């Protein structure tokens, strides 16, 4: 029964270990990309804040009259 649960007696399957390592590397790459894109987005948002004219509620015009 234990052999069936673990797969086989010979230890972990090398293909499965290689796939697990590949997936772990992919996750690390995606996390690094996410951090890079968030930093880029924050920089763009900060730069755009000076260029955007914000209107108060009283200054807005109705969409339809």
PDB file of N, CA and C in Angstrom:
ATOM      1  N   UNK A   1       0.815  -1.187   0.000  1.00  0.00           N
ATOM      2  CA  UNK A   1       0.000   0.000   0.000  1.00  0.00           C
ATOM      3  C   UNK A   1       0.861   1.254   0.000  1.00  0.00           C
ATOM      4  N   UNK A   2       1.881   1.295   0.830  1.00  0.00           N
ATOM      5  CA  UNK A   2       2.757   2.468   0.887  1.00  0.00           C
ATOM      6  C   UNK A   2       3.478   2.669  -0.437  1.00  0.00           C
ATOM      7  N   UNK A   3       3.869   1.571  -1.087  1.00  0.00           N
ATOM      8  CA  UNK A   3       4.534   1.680  -2.386  1.00  0.00           C
ATOM      9  C   UNK A   3       3.606   2.325  -3.410  1.00  0.00           C
ATOM     10  N   UNK A   4       2.349   1.992  -3.359  1.00  0.00           N
ATOM     11  CA  UNK A   4       1.389   2.563  -4.301  1.00  0.00           C
ATOM     12  C   UNK A   4       1.209   4.059  -4.059  1.00  0.00           C
ATOM     13  N   UNK A   5       1.240   4.469  -2.810  1.00  0.00           N
ATOM     14  CA  UNK A   5       1.080   5.876  -2.496  1.00  0.00           C
ATOM     15  C   UNK A   5       2.307   6.701  -2.890  1.00  0.00           C
ATOM     16  N   UNK A   6       3.475   6.135  -2.731  1.00  0.00           N
ATOM     17  CA  UNK A   6       4.707   6.852  -3.034  1.00  0.00           C
ATOM     18  C   UNK A   6       5.134   6.715  -4.489  1.00  0.00           C
ATOM     19  N   UNK A   7       4.560   5.822  -5.221  1.00  0.00           N
ATOM     20  CA  UNK A   7       4.914   5.647  -6.624  1.00  0.00           C
ATOM     21  C   UNK A   7       5.740   4.411  -6.824  1.00  0.00           C
ATOM     22  N   UNK A   8       6.924   4.373  -6.286  1.00  0.00           N
ATOM     23  CA  UNK A   8       7.773   3.187  -6.358  1.00  0.00           C
ATOM     24  C   UNK A   8       8.866   3.296  -5.312  1.00  0.00           C
ATOM     25  N   UNK A   9       9.609   2.219  -5.145  1.00  0.00           N
ATOM     26  CA  UNK A   9      10.615   2.151  -4.094  1.00  0.00           C
ATOM     27  C   UNK A   9      11.877   2.920  -4.475  1.00  0.00           C
ATOM     28  N   UNK A  10      12.127   3.113  -5.758  1.00  0.00           N
ATOM     29  CA  UNK A  10      13.381   3.677  -6.233  1.00  0.00           C
ATOM     30  C   UNK A  10      13.603   5.140  -5.942  1.00  0.00           C
ATOM     31  N   UNK A  11      12.739   5.808  -5.251  1.00  0.00           N
ATOM     32  CA  UNK A  11      12.912   7.224  -4.963  1.00  0.00           C
ATOM     33  C   UNK A  11      12.095   8.071  -5.919  1.00  0.00           C
ATOM     34  N   UNK A  12      12.282   9.365  -5.868  1.00  0.00           N
ATOM     35  CA  UNK A  12      11.492  10.258  -6.724  1.00  0.00           C
ATOM     36  C   UNK A  12      11.842  10.076  -8.204  1.00  0.00           C
ATOM     37  N   UNK A  13      10.846  10.244  -9.027  1.00  0.00           N
ATOM     38  CA  UNK A  13      11.018  10.127 -10.472  1.00  0.00           C
ATOM     39  C   UNK A  13      11.835  11.325 -10.971  1.00  0.00           C
ATOM     40  N   UNK A  14      12.932  11.098 -11.679  1.00  0.00           N
ATOM     41  CA  UNK A  14      13.765  12.217 -12.144  1.00  0.00           C
ATOM     42  C   UNK A  14      13.008  13.196 -13.054  1.00  0.00           C
ATOM     43  N   UNK A  15      12.068  12.691 -13.827  1.00  0.00           N
ATOM     44  CA  UNK A  15      11.276  13.572 -14.681  1.00  0.00           C
ATOM     45  C   UNK A  15      10.403  14.494 -13.845  1.00  0.00           C
ATOM     46  N   UNK A  16       9.844  13.949 -12.778  1.00  0.00           N
ATOM     47  CA  UNK A  16       8.995  14.758 -11.909  1.00  0.00           C
ATOM     48  C   UNK A  16       9.829  15.811 -11.182  1.00  0.00           C
ATOM     49  N   UNK A  17      11.024  15.420 -10.749  1.00  0.00           N
ATOM     50  CA  UNK A  17      11.910  16.368 -10.063  1.00  0.00           C
ATOM     51  C   UNK A  17      12.307  17.487 -11.024  1.00  0.00           C
ATOM     52  N   UNK A  18      12.641  17.135 -12.263  1.00  0.00           N
ATOM     53  CA  UNK A  18      13.011  18.141 -13.258  1.00  0.00           C
ATOM     54  C   UNK A  18      11.838  19.071 -13.549  1.00  0.00           C
ATOM     55  N   UNK A  19      10.643  18.522 -13.667  1.00  0.00           N
ATOM     56  CA  UNK A  19       9.456  19.342 -13.919  1.00  0.00           C
ATOM     57  C   UNK A  19       9.176  20.259 -12.748  1.00  0.00           C
ATOM     58  N   UNK A  20       9.343  19.768 -11.539  1.00  0.00           N
ATOM     59  CA  UNK A  20       9.125  20.589 -10.342  1.00  0.00           C
ATOM     60  C   UNK A  20      10.113  21.747 -10.307  1.00  0.00           C
ATOM     61  N   UNK A  21      11.382  21.477 -10.628  1.00  0.00           N
ATOM     62  CA  UNK A  21      12.384  22.543 -10.651  1.00  0.00           C
ATOM     63  C   UNK A  21      12.065  23.567 -11.733  1.00  0.00           C
ATOM     64  N   UNK A  22      11.625  23.092 -12.893  1.00  0.00           N
ATOM     65  CA  UNK A  22      11.275  23.996 -13.987  1.00  0.00           C
ATOM     66  C   UNK A  22      10.112  24.897 -13.568  1.00  0.00           C
ATOM     67  N   UNK A  23       9.113  24.317 -12.927  1.00  0.00           N
ATOM     68  CA  UNK A  23       7.957  25.095 -12.489  1.00  0.00           C
ATOM     69  C   UNK A  23       8.334  26.088 -11.389  1.00  0.00           C
ATOM     70  N   UNK A  24       9.191  25.678 -10.477  1.00  0.00           N
ATOM     71  CA  UNK A  24       9.635  26.594  -9.426  1.00  0.00           C
ATOM     72  C   UNK A  24      10.400  27.773 -10.022  1.00  0.00           C
ATOM     73  N   UNK A  25      11.238  27.511 -11.032  1.00  0.00           N
ATOM     74  CA  UNK A  25      11.959  28.591 -11.695  1.00  0.00           C
ATOM     75  C   UNK A  25      10.994  29.512 -12.416  1.00  0.00           C
ATOM     76  N   UNK A  26       9.966  28.938 -13.046  1.00  0.00           N
ATOM     77  CA  UNK A  26       8.968  29.747 -13.749  1.00  0.00           C
ATOM     78  C   UNK A  26       8.236  30.663 -12.770  1.00  0.00           C
ATOM     79  N   UNK A  27       7.896  30.144 -11.599  1.00  0.00           N
ATOM     80  CA  UNK A  27       7.225  30.951 -10.573  1.00  0.00           C
ATOM     81  C   UNK A  27       8.139  32.092 -10.129  1.00  0.00           C
ATOM     82  N   UNK A  28       9.423  31.797  -9.910  1.00  0.00           N
ATOM     83  CA  UNK A  28      10.364  32.855  -9.518  1.00  0.00           C
ATOM     84  C   UNK A  28      10.470  33.919 -10.611  1.00  0.00           C
ATOM     85  N   UNK A  29      10.523  33.487 -11.873  1.00  0.00           N
ATOM     86  CA  UNK A  29      10.593  34.439 -12.985  1.00  0.00           C
ATOM     87  C   UNK A  29       9.343  35.320 -13.035  1.00  0.00           C
ATOM     88  N   UNK A  30       8.177  34.714 -12.855  1.00  0.00           N
ATOM     89  CA  UNK A  30       6.934  35.472 -12.891  1.00  0.00           C
ATOM     90  C   UNK A  30       6.830  36.443 -11.717  1.00  0.00           C
ATOM     91  N   UNK A  31       7.294  36.028 -10.550  1.00  0.00           N
ATOM     92  CA  UNK A  31       7.280  36.925  -9.395  1.00  0.00           C
ATOM     93  C   UNK A  31       8.209  38.116  -9.622  1.00  0.00           C
ATOM     94  N   UNK A  32       9.371  37.869 -10.216  1.00  0.00           N
ATOM     95  CA  UNK A  32      10.302  38.960 -10.515  1.00  0.00           C
ATOM     96  C   UNK A  32       9.690  39.911 -11.542  1.00  0.00           C
ATOM     97  N   UNK A  33       9.018  39.360 -12.547  1.00  0.00           N
ATOM     98  CA  UNK A  33       8.352  40.187 -13.552  1.00  0.00           C
ATOM     99  C   UNK A  33       7.252  41.027 -12.917  1.00  0.00           C
ATOM    100  N   UNK A  34       6.512  40.444 -11.996  1.00  0.00           N
ATOM    101  CA  UNK A  34       5.453  41.166 -11.298  1.00  0.00           C
ATOM    102  C   UNK A  34       6.020  42.343 -10.515  1.00  0.00           C
ATOM    103  N   UNK A  35       7.111  42.125  -9.799  1.00  0.00           N
ATOM    104  CA  UNK A  35       7.740  43.204  -9.030  1.00  0.00           C
ATOM    105  C   UNK A  35       8.214  44.303  -9.970  1.00  0.00           C
ATOM    106  N   UNK A  36       8.815  43.924 -11.094  1.00  0.00           N
ATOM    107  CA  UNK A  36       9.306  44.908 -12.058  1.00  0.00           C
ATOM    108  C   UNK A  36       8.156  45.732 -12.634  1.00  0.00           C
ATOM    109  N   UNK A  37       7.065  45.056 -13.005  1.00  0.00           N
ATOM    110  CA  UNK A  37       5.922  45.759 -13.583  1.00  0.00           C
ATOM    111  C   UNK A  37       5.223  46.657 -12.568  1.00  0.00           C
ATOM    112  N   UNK A  38       5.151  46.218 -11.319  1.00  0.00           N
ATOM    113  CA  UNK A  38       4.558  47.062 -10.284  1.00  0.00           C
ATOM    114  C   UNK A  38       5.384  48.316 -10.064  1.00  0.00           C
ATOM    115  N   UNK A  39       6.714  48.173 -10.078  1.00  0.00           N
ATOM    116  CA  UNK A  39       7.574  49.342  -9.913  1.00  0.00           C
ATOM    117  C   UNK A  39       7.421  50.286 -11.105  1.00  0.00           C
ATOM    118  N   UNK A  40       7.351  49.730 -12.297  1.00  0.00           N
ATOM    119  CA  UNK A  40       7.159  50.552 -13.497  1.00  0.00           C
ATOM    120  C   UNK A  40       5.810  51.267 -13.452  1.00  0.00           C
ATOM    121  N   UNK A  41       4.783  50.557 -13.019  1.00  0.00           N
ATOM    122  CA  UNK A  41       3.451  51.152 -12.920  1.00  0.00           C
ATOM    123  C   UNK A  41       3.436  52.278 -11.883  1.00  0.00           C
ATOM    124  N   UNK A  42       4.069  52.051 -10.755  1.00  0.00           N
ATOM    125  CA  UNK A  42       4.135  53.095  -9.725  1.00  0.00           C
ATOM    126  C   UNK A  42       4.868  54.330 -10.235  1.00  0.00           C
ATOM    127  N   UNK A  43       5.950  54.112 -10.979  1.00  0.00           N
ATOM    128  CA  UNK A  43       6.700  55.245 -11.526  1.00  0.00           C
ATOM    129  C   UNK A  43       5.854  56.016 -12.531  1.00  0.00           C
ATOM    130  N   UNK A  44       5.122  55.304 -13.382  1.00  0.00           N
ATOM    131  CA  UNK A  44       4.263  55.966 -14.361  1.00  0.00           C
ATOM    132  C   UNK A  44       3.122  56.712 -13.676  1.00  0.00           C
ATOM    133  N   UNK A  45       2.558  56.127 -12.642  1.00  0.00           N
ATOM    134  CA  UNK A  45       1.461  56.777 -11.917  1.00  0.00           C
ATOM    135  C   UNK A  45       1.956  58.041 -11.222  1.00  0.00           C
ATOM    136  N   UNK A  46       3.146  57.982 -10.663  1.00  0.00           N
ATOM    137  CA  UNK A  46       3.710  59.163  -9.999  1.00  0.00           C
ATOM    138  C   UNK A  46       3.984  60.265 -11.009  1.00  0.00           C
ATOM    139  N   UNK A  47       4.518  59.894 -12.163  1.00  0.00           N
ATOM    140  CA  UNK A  47       4.812  60.885 -13.204  1.00  0.00           C
ATOM    141  C   UNK A  47       3.524  61.484 -13.760  1.00  0.00           C
ATOM    142  N   UNK A  48       2.479  60.680 -13.869  1.00  0.00           N
ATOM    143  CA  UNK A  48       1.224  61.150 -14.443  1.00  0.00           C
ATOM    144  C   UNK A  48       0.441  62.024 -13.480  1.00  0.00           C
ATOM    145  N   UNK A  49       0.653  61.881 -12.191  1.00  0.00           N
ATOM    146  CA  UNK A  49      -0.100  62.678 -11.210  1.00  0.00           C
ATOM    147  C   UNK A  49       0.130  64.169 -11.396  1.00  0.00           C
ATOM    148  N   UNK A  50       1.299  64.577 -11.802  1.00  0.00           N
ATOM    149  CA  UNK A  50       1.572  65.988 -12.008  1.00  0.00           C
ATOM    150  C   UNK A  50       0.913  66.529 -13.265  1.00  0.00           C
ATOM    151  N   UNK A  51       0.625  65.645 -14.236  1.00  0.00           N
ATOM    152  CA  UNK A  51       0.067  66.073 -15.511  1.00  0.00           C
ATOM    153  C   UNK A  51      -1.457  66.059 -15.543  1.00  0.00           C
ATOM    154  N   UNK A  52      -2.078  65.410 -14.615  1.00  0.00           N
ATOM    155  CA  UNK A  52      -3.528  65.242 -14.637  1.00  0.00           C
ATOM    156  C   UNK A  52      -4.187  66.391 -13.883  1.00  0.00           C
ATOM    157  N   UNK A  53      -5.208  66.957 -14.487  1.00  0.00           N
ATOM    158  CA  UNK A  53      -5.985  68.013 -13.835  1.00  0.00           C
ATOM    159  C   UNK A  53      -7.161  67.336 -13.151  1.00  0.00           C
ATOM    160  N   UNK A  54      -7.245  67.492 -11.864  1.00  0.00           N
ATOM    161  CA  UNK A  54      -8.364  66.876 -11.163  1.00  0.00           C
ATOM    162  C   UNK A  54      -9.459  67.919 -10.967  1.00  0.00           C
ATOM    163  N   UNK A  55     -10.661  67.496 -11.176  1.00  0.00           N
ATOM    164  CA  UNK A  55     -11.812  68.375 -11.015  1.00  0.00           C
ATOM    165  C   UNK A  55     -12.553  68.002  -9.742  1.00  0.00           C
ATOM    166  N   UNK A  56     -12.979  68.991  -9.032  1.00  0.00           N
ATOM    167  CA  UNK A  56     -13.779  68.740  -7.848  1.00  0.00           C
ATOM    168  C   UNK A  56     -15.192  68.365  -8.248  1.00  0.00           C
ATOM    169  N   UNK A  57     -15.970  67.923  -7.312  1.00  0.00           N
ATOM    170  CA  UNK A  57     -17.356  67.523  -7.594  1.00  0.00           C
ATOM    171  C   UNK A  57     -18.157  68.697  -8.117  1.00  0.00           C
ATOM    172  N   UNK A  58     -17.922  69.893  -7.598  1.00  0.00           N
ATOM    173  CA  UNK A  58     -18.683  71.071  -8.033  1.00  0.00           C
ATOM    174  C   UNK A  58     -18.337  71.491  -9.454  1.00  0.00           C
ATOM    175  N   UNK A  59     -17.118  71.174  -9.916  1.00  0.00           N
ATOM    176  CA  UNK A  59     -16.685  71.584 -11.253  1.00  0.00           C
ATOM    177  C   UNK A  59     -17.160  70.654 -12.353  1.00  0.00           C
ATOM    178  N   UNK A  60     -17.679  69.511 -12.024  1.00  0.00           N
ATOM    179  CA  UNK A  60     -18.099  68.540 -13.033  1.00  0.00           C
ATOM    180  C   UNK A  60     -19.402  68.974 -13.684  1.00  0.00           C
ATOM    181  N   UNK A  61     -19.510  68.658 -14.955  1.00  0.00           N
ATOM    182  CA  UNK A  61     -20.728  68.934 -15.690  1.00  0.00           C
ATOM    183  C   UNK A  61     -21.529  67.653 -15.837  1.00  0.00           C
ATOM    184  N   UNK A  62     -22.836  67.721 -15.872  1.00  0.00           N
ATOM    185  CA  UNK A  62     -23.619  66.496 -16.058  1.00  0.00           C
ATOM    186  C   UNK A  62     -23.382  65.930 -17.444  1.00  0.00           C
ATOM    187  N   UNK A  63     -23.430  64.609 -17.544  1.00  0.00           N
ATOM    188  CA  UNK A  63     -23.215  63.954 -18.821  1.00  0.00           C
ATOM    189  C   UNK A  63     -24.369  64.219 -19.767  1.00  0.00           C
ATOM    190  N   UNK A  64     -25.573  64.146 -19.281  1.00  0.00           N
ATOM    191  CA  UNK A  64     -26.761  64.410 -20.093  1.00  0.00           C
ATOM    192  C   UNK A  64     -27.646  65.415 -19.374  1.00  0.00           C
ATOM    193  N   UNK A  65     -28.236  66.306 -20.143  1.00  0.00           N
ATOM    194  CA  UNK A  65     -29.131  67.278 -19.498  1.00  0.00           C
ATOM    195  C   UNK A  65     -30.545  67.128 -20.023  1.00  0.00           C
TER     196      UNK A  65
END
